[in-house]
Amino acid sequence: MNEEQYLINKAGKENPFRVPEGYFDSLASQVMSRVDAEGNKPQDMPMIEKKTKTVWLRPVLYAAASVCALFISVTVYQHFTAQTVENTTEQVAVYSEDSFDEAADYVMIDNQDIYACLTGEY
């Protein structure tokens, strides 16, 4: 109650908003001059065309984009999987031919060292 009394004392009860003299006298004629005789839109307003939106278009676009993304992902996955399998078979073929001899030369051991290692005399 104190806040309300404070506001009344500060601002008073008088309405601070005013309308210019004769505003409502000419308001009706101004509005009617802008309205078409049939009661349509005002004459001064430009023609605004409404955009017709189809409700089903957006979900269909989302579904199409999802299918395209899935197709591209599967294609890329299969491509890289096929390359990996080809590389693996080439590596196995290369290692199976001379891999033991190359490894023995790299480690600098010969057949006698291998036999000694296997028999435990090394």
N, C-alpha and C. Protein backbone atom coordinates (compact mmCIF):
# COMPACT_ATOMS: atom_id res chain seq x y z
N MET A 1 0.82 -1.18 0.00
CA MET A 1 0.00 0.00 0.00
C MET A 1 0.87 1.25 0.00
N ASN A 2 2.01 1.20 0.65
CA ASN A 2 2.91 2.35 0.70
C ASN A 2 3.46 2.68 -0.69
N GLU A 3 3.73 1.64 -1.50
CA GLU A 3 4.26 1.86 -2.85
C GLU A 3 3.23 2.55 -3.73
N GLU A 4 1.98 2.13 -3.60
CA GLU A 4 0.92 2.74 -4.40
C GLU A 4 0.74 4.20 -4.01
N GLN A 5 0.77 4.49 -2.73
CA GLN A 5 0.63 5.88 -2.26
C GLN A 5 1.81 6.72 -2.73
N TYR A 6 2.99 6.14 -2.70
CA TYR A 6 4.19 6.85 -3.17
C TYR A 6 4.04 7.22 -4.64
N LEU A 7 3.56 6.27 -5.47
CA LEU A 7 3.40 6.54 -6.90
C LEU A 7 2.33 7.60 -7.14
N ILE A 8 1.25 7.57 -6.38
CA ILE A 8 0.19 8.59 -6.54
C ILE A 8 0.74 9.96 -6.16
N ASN A 9 1.51 10.04 -5.09
CA ASN A 9 2.09 11.31 -4.68
C ASN A 9 3.09 11.83 -5.71
N LYS A 10 3.86 10.91 -6.27
CA LYS A 10 4.90 11.30 -7.21
C LYS A 10 4.33 11.70 -8.57
N ALA A 11 3.40 10.87 -9.13
CA ALA A 11 2.91 11.11 -10.47
C ALA A 11 1.51 11.72 -10.50
N GLY A 12 0.76 11.53 -9.44
CA GLY A 12 -0.61 12.04 -9.42
C GLY A 12 -1.56 11.07 -10.08
N LYS A 13 -2.84 11.38 -10.09
CA LYS A 13 -3.84 10.51 -10.68
C LYS A 13 -4.20 10.92 -12.10
N GLU A 14 -3.60 11.97 -12.57
CA GLU A 14 -3.91 12.45 -13.91
C GLU A 14 -3.27 11.55 -14.96
N ASN A 15 -4.03 11.29 -16.04
CA ASN A 15 -3.54 10.45 -17.14
C ASN A 15 -2.50 11.25 -17.95
N PRO A 16 -1.26 10.73 -18.10
CA PRO A 16 -0.23 11.49 -18.82
C PRO A 16 -0.36 11.40 -20.34
N PHE A 17 -1.21 10.55 -20.84
CA PHE A 17 -1.35 10.36 -22.28
C PHE A 17 -2.45 11.25 -22.82
N ARG A 18 -2.16 11.93 -23.91
CA ARG A 18 -3.13 12.87 -24.49
C ARG A 18 -3.27 12.57 -25.98
N VAL A 19 -4.46 12.86 -26.50
CA VAL A 19 -4.76 12.70 -27.93
C VAL A 19 -4.86 14.10 -28.52
N PRO A 20 -4.30 14.30 -29.70
CA PRO A 20 -4.39 15.63 -30.32
C PRO A 20 -5.85 16.05 -30.54
N GLU A 21 -6.09 17.35 -30.51
CA GLU A 21 -7.44 17.90 -30.69
C GLU A 21 -7.99 17.51 -32.06
N GLY A 22 -9.22 17.00 -32.12
CA GLY A 22 -9.89 16.68 -33.35
C GLY A 22 -9.41 15.38 -34.00
N TYR A 23 -8.67 14.58 -33.28
CA TYR A 23 -8.12 13.34 -33.86
C TYR A 23 -9.25 12.37 -34.20
N PHE A 24 -10.15 12.13 -33.25
CA PHE A 24 -11.22 11.18 -33.48
C PHE A 24 -12.29 11.72 -34.43
N ASP A 25 -12.34 13.05 -34.62
CA ASP A 25 -13.32 13.62 -35.56
C ASP A 25 -13.02 13.20 -36.99
N SER A 26 -11.76 13.16 -37.35
CA SER A 26 -11.40 12.84 -38.74
C SER A 26 -10.90 11.41 -38.90
N LEU A 27 -10.85 10.63 -37.84
CA LEU A 27 -10.32 9.27 -37.90
C LEU A 27 -11.19 8.36 -38.77
N ALA A 28 -12.48 8.40 -38.61
CA ALA A 28 -13.37 7.52 -39.37
C ALA A 28 -13.28 7.81 -40.86
N SER A 29 -13.23 9.07 -41.25
CA SER A 29 -13.15 9.40 -42.68
C SER A 29 -11.80 8.99 -43.26
N GLN A 30 -10.72 9.10 -42.49
CA GLN A 30 -9.41 8.66 -42.97
C GLN A 30 -9.37 7.15 -43.18
N VAL A 31 -9.95 6.40 -42.26
CA VAL A 31 -9.96 4.94 -42.38
C VAL A 31 -10.80 4.52 -43.58
N MET A 32 -11.97 5.12 -43.73
CA MET A 32 -12.86 4.75 -44.83
C MET A 32 -12.27 5.13 -46.19
N SER A 33 -11.47 6.17 -46.24
CA SER A 33 -10.85 6.55 -47.51
C SER A 33 -9.78 5.55 -47.93
N ARG A 34 -9.22 4.88 -46.98
CA ARG A 34 -8.19 3.89 -47.28
C ARG A 34 -8.77 2.50 -47.56
N VAL A 35 -9.99 2.26 -47.14
CA VAL A 35 -10.59 0.94 -47.32
C VAL A 35 -11.31 0.91 -48.66
N ASP A 36 -11.16 -0.18 -49.35
CA ASP A 36 -11.81 -0.38 -50.63
C ASP A 36 -13.33 -0.41 -50.44
N ALA A 37 -14.08 -0.13 -51.46
CA ALA A 37 -15.54 -0.09 -51.36
C ALA A 37 -16.11 -1.44 -50.96
N GLU A 38 -15.43 -2.52 -51.29
CA GLU A 38 -15.91 -3.86 -50.95
C GLU A 38 -15.46 -4.30 -49.57
N GLY A 39 -14.69 -3.50 -48.89
CA GLY A 39 -14.21 -3.86 -47.56
C GLY A 39 -12.93 -4.68 -47.61
N ASN A 40 -12.19 -4.59 -48.70
CA ASN A 40 -10.93 -5.34 -48.82
C ASN A 40 -9.80 -4.59 -48.13
N LYS A 41 -8.60 -4.88 -48.54
CA LYS A 41 -7.42 -4.26 -47.92
C LYS A 41 -7.32 -2.77 -48.26
N PRO A 42 -6.55 -2.03 -47.48
CA PRO A 42 -6.38 -0.60 -47.76
C PRO A 42 -5.73 -0.37 -49.13
N GLN A 43 -6.05 0.75 -49.76
CA GLN A 43 -5.54 1.05 -51.09
C GLN A 43 -4.07 1.44 -51.08
N ASP A 44 -3.61 2.06 -50.01
CA ASP A 44 -2.23 2.52 -49.94
C ASP A 44 -1.24 1.37 -49.73
N MET A 45 -1.73 0.26 -49.23
CA MET A 45 -0.86 -0.86 -48.91
C MET A 45 -0.47 -1.60 -50.19
N PRO A 46 0.80 -1.99 -50.34
CA PRO A 46 1.21 -2.74 -51.53
C PRO A 46 0.64 -4.16 -51.48
N MET A 47 0.57 -4.78 -52.61
CA MET A 47 0.04 -6.14 -52.70
C MET A 47 1.05 -7.11 -52.09
N ILE A 48 0.63 -7.86 -51.11
CA ILE A 48 1.50 -8.82 -50.45
C ILE A 48 1.00 -10.20 -50.81
N GLU A 49 1.87 -10.96 -51.44
CA GLU A 49 1.49 -12.31 -51.84
C GLU A 49 1.86 -13.27 -50.72
N LYS A 50 0.95 -14.15 -50.42
CA LYS A 50 1.22 -15.15 -49.40
C LYS A 50 1.96 -16.31 -50.03
N LYS A 51 2.94 -16.79 -49.32
CA LYS A 51 3.68 -17.94 -49.78
C LYS A 51 2.93 -19.19 -49.31
N THR A 52 2.68 -20.05 -50.25
CA THR A 52 2.02 -21.29 -49.88
C THR A 52 3.08 -22.31 -49.56
N LYS A 53 3.00 -22.84 -48.38
CA LYS A 53 3.96 -23.85 -47.95
C LYS A 53 3.26 -25.20 -47.94
N THR A 54 3.96 -26.15 -48.46
CA THR A 54 3.43 -27.49 -48.38
C THR A 54 3.97 -28.14 -47.13
N VAL A 55 3.11 -28.80 -46.43
CA VAL A 55 3.49 -29.37 -45.15
C VAL A 55 4.41 -30.57 -45.32
N TRP A 56 4.26 -31.30 -46.40
CA TRP A 56 5.02 -32.53 -46.58
C TRP A 56 6.40 -32.33 -47.17
N LEU A 57 6.72 -31.14 -47.65
CA LEU A 57 7.98 -30.93 -48.36
C LEU A 57 9.20 -31.07 -47.46
N ARG A 58 9.18 -30.48 -46.30
CA ARG A 58 10.35 -30.51 -45.42
C ARG A 58 10.70 -31.92 -44.95
N PRO A 59 9.75 -32.72 -44.46
CA PRO A 59 10.11 -34.10 -44.07
C PRO A 59 10.63 -34.94 -45.23
N VAL A 60 10.09 -34.71 -46.42
CA VAL A 60 10.56 -35.46 -47.58
C VAL A 60 12.00 -35.08 -47.90
N LEU A 61 12.32 -33.81 -47.80
CA LEU A 61 13.71 -33.37 -48.05
C LEU A 61 14.66 -33.96 -47.01
N TYR A 62 14.23 -33.99 -45.75
CA TYR A 62 15.07 -34.58 -44.70
C TYR A 62 15.30 -36.07 -44.96
N ALA A 63 14.25 -36.77 -45.36
CA ALA A 63 14.37 -38.20 -45.64
C ALA A 63 15.31 -38.44 -46.83
N ALA A 64 15.18 -37.63 -47.87
CA ALA A 64 16.04 -37.77 -49.05
C ALA A 64 17.50 -37.50 -48.69
N ALA A 65 17.74 -36.49 -47.89
CA ALA A 65 19.11 -36.19 -47.47
C ALA A 65 19.68 -37.32 -46.62
N SER A 66 18.87 -37.91 -45.77
CA SER A 66 19.34 -39.03 -44.94
C SER A 66 19.68 -40.24 -45.80
N VAL A 67 18.86 -40.54 -46.79
CA VAL A 67 19.13 -41.67 -47.67
C VAL A 67 20.42 -41.43 -48.47
N CYS A 68 20.61 -40.21 -48.96
CA CYS A 68 21.84 -39.89 -49.70
C CYS A 68 23.07 -40.03 -48.80
N ALA A 69 22.98 -39.54 -47.58
CA ALA A 69 24.11 -39.64 -46.65
C ALA A 69 24.42 -41.10 -46.33
N LEU A 70 23.39 -41.91 -46.16
CA LEU A 70 23.60 -43.33 -45.88
C LEU A 70 24.24 -44.02 -47.08
N PHE A 71 23.77 -43.72 -48.28
CA PHE A 71 24.33 -44.32 -49.50
C PHE A 71 25.80 -43.96 -49.66
N ILE A 72 26.13 -42.69 -49.46
CA ILE A 72 27.53 -42.26 -49.59
C ILE A 72 28.40 -42.93 -48.53
N SER A 73 27.90 -43.03 -47.30
CA SER A 73 28.68 -43.66 -46.23
C SER A 73 28.96 -45.12 -46.54
N VAL A 74 27.95 -45.84 -47.00
CA VAL A 74 28.14 -47.26 -47.31
C VAL A 74 29.11 -47.43 -48.48
N THR A 75 29.00 -46.58 -49.48
CA THR A 75 29.89 -46.66 -50.63
C THR A 75 31.35 -46.41 -50.22
N VAL A 76 31.58 -45.39 -49.42
CA VAL A 76 32.94 -45.08 -48.97
C VAL A 76 33.48 -46.21 -48.10
N TYR A 77 32.64 -46.76 -47.22
CA TYR A 77 33.08 -47.86 -46.36
C TYR A 77 33.48 -49.07 -47.19
N GLN A 78 32.65 -49.43 -48.17
CA GLN A 78 32.97 -50.58 -49.01
C GLN A 78 34.24 -50.34 -49.83
N HIS A 79 34.43 -49.13 -50.29
CA HIS A 79 35.63 -48.81 -51.09
C HIS A 79 36.89 -49.02 -50.25
N PHE A 80 36.89 -48.46 -49.03
CA PHE A 80 38.09 -48.59 -48.19
C PHE A 80 38.28 -50.01 -47.69
N THR A 81 37.21 -50.75 -47.47
CA THR A 81 37.33 -52.14 -47.05
C THR A 81 37.93 -52.97 -48.18
N ALA A 82 37.51 -52.72 -49.41
CA ALA A 82 38.05 -53.45 -50.55
C ALA A 82 39.54 -53.15 -50.73
N GLN A 83 39.94 -51.91 -50.56
CA GLN A 83 41.36 -51.56 -50.68
C GLN A 83 42.17 -52.24 -49.59
N THR A 84 41.65 -52.30 -48.37
CA THR A 84 42.37 -52.93 -47.26
C THR A 84 42.56 -54.41 -47.52
N VAL A 85 41.53 -55.07 -48.04
CA VAL A 85 41.64 -56.50 -48.34
C VAL A 85 42.67 -56.73 -49.44
N GLU A 86 42.68 -55.89 -50.48
CA GLU A 86 43.67 -56.04 -51.56
C GLU A 86 45.07 -55.83 -51.03
N ASN A 87 45.28 -54.81 -50.21
CA ASN A 87 46.61 -54.55 -49.65
C ASN A 87 47.05 -55.69 -48.74
N THR A 88 46.14 -56.25 -47.98
CA THR A 88 46.49 -57.33 -47.07
C THR A 88 46.90 -58.57 -47.83
N THR A 89 46.17 -58.91 -48.89
CA THR A 89 46.54 -60.10 -49.67
C THR A 89 47.87 -59.91 -50.37
N GLU A 90 48.18 -58.70 -50.83
CA GLU A 90 49.48 -58.44 -51.46
C GLU A 90 50.59 -58.58 -50.43
N GLN A 91 50.38 -58.09 -49.22
CA GLN A 91 51.40 -58.16 -48.19
C GLN A 91 51.64 -59.61 -47.77
N VAL A 92 50.57 -60.39 -47.67
CA VAL A 92 50.73 -61.80 -47.29
C VAL A 92 51.51 -62.54 -48.35
N ALA A 93 51.22 -62.25 -49.62
CA ALA A 93 51.94 -62.91 -50.72
C ALA A 93 53.41 -62.54 -50.70
N VAL A 94 53.71 -61.29 -50.43
CA VAL A 94 55.10 -60.83 -50.41
C VAL A 94 55.84 -61.45 -49.23
N TYR A 95 55.22 -61.50 -48.07
CA TYR A 95 55.90 -62.03 -46.90
C TYR A 95 56.05 -63.54 -46.95
N SER A 96 55.18 -64.21 -47.63
CA SER A 96 55.26 -65.67 -47.64
C SER A 96 56.39 -66.19 -48.53
N GLU A 97 56.84 -65.42 -49.50
CA GLU A 97 57.85 -65.90 -50.43
C GLU A 97 59.24 -65.96 -49.79
N ASP A 98 59.80 -64.84 -49.49
CA ASP A 98 61.19 -64.81 -49.02
C ASP A 98 61.32 -64.16 -47.64
N SER A 99 60.27 -64.15 -46.91
CA SER A 99 60.32 -63.41 -45.65
C SER A 99 61.26 -64.05 -44.64
N PHE A 100 61.32 -65.38 -44.61
CA PHE A 100 62.20 -66.02 -43.63
C PHE A 100 63.66 -65.75 -43.95
N ASP A 101 64.03 -65.85 -45.20
CA ASP A 101 65.42 -65.61 -45.58
C ASP A 101 65.81 -64.15 -45.34
N GLU A 102 64.92 -63.25 -45.65
CA GLU A 102 65.21 -61.83 -45.40
C GLU A 102 65.35 -61.55 -43.91
N ALA A 103 64.48 -62.13 -43.10
CA ALA A 103 64.57 -61.92 -41.65
C ALA A 103 65.85 -62.51 -41.10
N ALA A 104 66.26 -63.67 -41.59
CA ALA A 104 67.50 -64.30 -41.13
C ALA A 104 68.70 -63.46 -41.52
N ASP A 105 68.71 -62.92 -42.72
CA ASP A 105 69.80 -62.06 -43.14
C ASP A 105 69.83 -60.77 -42.32
N TYR A 106 68.67 -60.24 -42.00
CA TYR A 106 68.61 -58.99 -41.23
C TYR A 106 69.15 -59.21 -39.81
N VAL A 107 68.83 -60.35 -39.22
CA VAL A 107 69.27 -60.61 -37.85
C VAL A 107 70.69 -61.20 -37.83
N MET A 108 71.20 -61.54 -39.00
CA MET A 108 72.53 -62.11 -39.18
C MET A 108 72.70 -63.43 -38.44
N ILE A 109 71.75 -64.32 -38.70
CA ILE A 109 71.91 -65.67 -38.17
C ILE A 109 71.85 -66.63 -39.35
N ASP A 110 72.51 -67.79 -39.19
CA ASP A 110 72.47 -68.78 -40.24
C ASP A 110 71.79 -70.04 -39.70
N ASN A 111 71.80 -71.10 -40.48
CA ASN A 111 71.10 -72.33 -40.09
C ASN A 111 71.69 -72.95 -38.82
N GLN A 112 73.01 -72.88 -38.64
CA GLN A 112 73.63 -73.46 -37.45
C GLN A 112 73.17 -72.74 -36.19
N ASP A 113 73.03 -71.41 -36.26
CA ASP A 113 72.55 -70.66 -35.10
C ASP A 113 71.10 -71.02 -34.78
N ILE A 114 70.31 -71.25 -35.81
CA ILE A 114 68.90 -71.61 -35.59
C ILE A 114 68.82 -72.99 -34.94
N TYR A 115 69.61 -73.95 -35.43
CA TYR A 115 69.60 -75.29 -34.85
C TYR A 115 70.06 -75.25 -33.39
N ALA A 116 71.09 -74.45 -33.13
CA ALA A 116 71.60 -74.35 -31.76
C ALA A 116 70.54 -73.74 -30.86
N CYS A 117 69.81 -72.79 -31.36
CA CYS A 117 68.77 -72.15 -30.56
C CYS A 117 67.63 -73.13 -30.29
N LEU A 118 67.27 -73.94 -31.28
CA LEU A 118 66.18 -74.88 -31.10
C LEU A 118 66.55 -76.03 -30.16
N THR A 119 67.79 -76.44 -30.17
CA THR A 119 68.21 -77.55 -29.30
C THR A 119 68.58 -77.06 -27.91
N GLY A 120 68.73 -75.78 -27.76
CA GLY A 120 69.03 -75.24 -26.45
C GLY A 120 70.53 -75.15 -26.17
N GLU A 121 71.39 -75.31 -27.17
CA GLU A 121 72.82 -75.25 -27.00
C GLU A 121 73.38 -73.85 -27.23
N TYR A 122 72.56 -72.95 -27.39
CA TYR A 122 73.01 -71.61 -27.75
C TYR A 122 73.30 -70.78 -26.55
